[in-house]
Amino acid sequence: MMTCPTHKRCHATYALAEEALIGAHVAYRYGKGSRPVGVYQCDECGQYHLTSQGEVNPRLQKMLEEGQIQKQKEASWWEEKFKRK
């Protein structure tokens, strides 16, 4: 995995970074203002990073509005619950 002078996690493509952004929202509980909302290409390394600044990623926004993120959270919760049995 490539490292960046900014010490942020690198993603090789915009699409991979966008998947990581959505995955983070499924995996974690974020409060207002403390969550990643977008993807940008780094001037230092040329890779893509997540950011909590700026406009909300359109795909993420749509998934939040349609309740898809919450549905995926619930599915993950049940999946983990059944794995433990």
Protein backbone atom coordinates (compact mmCIF):
# COMPACT_ATOMS: atom_id res chain seq x y z
CA MET A 1 0.00 0.00 0.00
CA MET A 2 1.30 3.42 -0.91
CA THR A 3 2.00 5.88 1.88
CA CYS A 4 1.34 9.60 1.75
CA PRO A 5 3.38 12.35 3.42
CA THR A 6 0.09 13.45 5.03
CA HIS A 7 -0.17 10.02 6.74
CA LYS A 8 -3.71 9.59 5.44
CA ARG A 9 -4.97 6.29 4.09
CA CYS A 10 -4.49 6.09 0.32
CA HIS A 11 -6.92 4.74 -2.25
CA ALA A 12 -5.69 4.11 -5.80
CA THR A 13 -8.87 5.28 -7.56
CA TYR A 14 -11.78 7.59 -6.91
CA ALA A 15 -14.15 4.60 -7.05
CA LEU A 16 -12.20 2.72 -4.36
CA ALA A 17 -12.13 5.80 -2.14
CA GLU A 18 -15.87 6.28 -2.63
CA GLU A 19 -16.46 2.65 -1.59
CA ALA A 20 -14.30 3.24 1.50
CA LEU A 21 -16.33 6.37 2.30
CA ILE A 22 -19.61 4.46 2.13
CA GLY A 23 -18.11 1.53 4.03
CA ALA A 24 -17.00 3.85 6.80
CA HIS A 25 -20.54 5.16 7.18
CA VAL A 26 -21.85 1.60 7.39
CA ALA A 27 -19.22 0.49 9.90
CA TYR A 28 -19.09 3.49 12.26
CA ARG A 29 -21.44 5.82 14.07
CA TYR A 30 -20.55 9.40 13.27
CA GLY A 31 -21.77 12.56 14.94
CA LYS A 32 -22.46 15.71 12.97
CA GLY A 33 -19.29 17.38 11.78
CA SER A 34 -16.98 14.51 12.69
CA ARG A 35 -17.57 12.25 9.72
CA PRO A 36 -15.99 11.85 6.32
CA VAL A 37 -18.24 13.31 3.65
CA GLY A 38 -16.20 13.29 0.47
CA VAL A 39 -13.23 12.14 -1.57
CA TYR A 40 -10.40 14.19 -3.04
CA GLN A 41 -7.20 13.62 -4.97
CA CYS A 42 -4.13 14.50 -2.93
CA ASP A 43 -1.62 16.99 -4.33
CA GLU A 44 1.16 15.26 -2.37
CA CYS A 45 0.80 11.65 -3.50
CA GLY A 46 -1.74 11.68 -6.33
CA GLN A 47 -3.88 9.09 -4.55
CA TYR A 48 -7.38 9.63 -3.15
CA HIS A 49 -8.27 10.35 0.48
CA LEU A 50 -11.47 10.83 2.48
CA THR A 51 -12.31 14.26 3.84
CA SER A 52 -14.73 15.63 6.41
CA GLN A 53 -14.70 19.04 4.69
CA GLY A 54 -16.69 20.39 1.76
CA GLU A 55 -19.68 19.03 -0.09
CA VAL A 56 -21.18 15.64 0.70
CA ASN A 57 -20.40 13.04 -1.95
CA PRO A 58 -23.51 12.73 -4.19
CA ARG A 59 -23.63 8.91 -3.97
CA LEU A 60 -23.28 8.99 -0.18
CA GLN A 61 -25.93 11.71 0.08
CA LYS A 62 -28.39 9.68 -1.98
CA MET A 63 -27.75 6.53 0.08
CA LEU A 64 -28.25 8.46 3.33
CA GLU A 65 -31.48 10.05 2.10
CA GLU A 66 -32.88 6.74 0.86
CA GLY A 67 -32.00 4.93 4.09
CA GLN A 68 -29.61 2.53 2.35
CA ILE A 69 -26.79 3.22 4.81
CA GLN A 70 -29.04 2.40 7.76
CA LYS A 71 -30.23 -0.81 6.07
CA GLN A 72 -26.63 -1.90 5.49
CA LYS A 73 -25.78 -1.12 9.14
CA GLU A 74 -28.66 -3.32 10.28
CA ALA A 75 -27.65 -6.12 7.91
CA SER A 76 -24.08 -5.99 9.22
CA TRP A 77 -25.33 -6.08 12.80
CA TRP A 78 -27.41 -9.21 12.14
CA GLU A 79 -24.57 -10.83 10.23
CA GLU A 80 -22.22 -10.32 13.20
CA LYS A 81 -24.86 -11.55 15.62
CA PHE A 82 -25.29 -14.83 13.71
CA LYS A 83 -21.52 -15.30 13.37
CA ARG A 84 -21.16 -15.29 17.18
CA LYS A 85 -23.60 -18.17 17.66
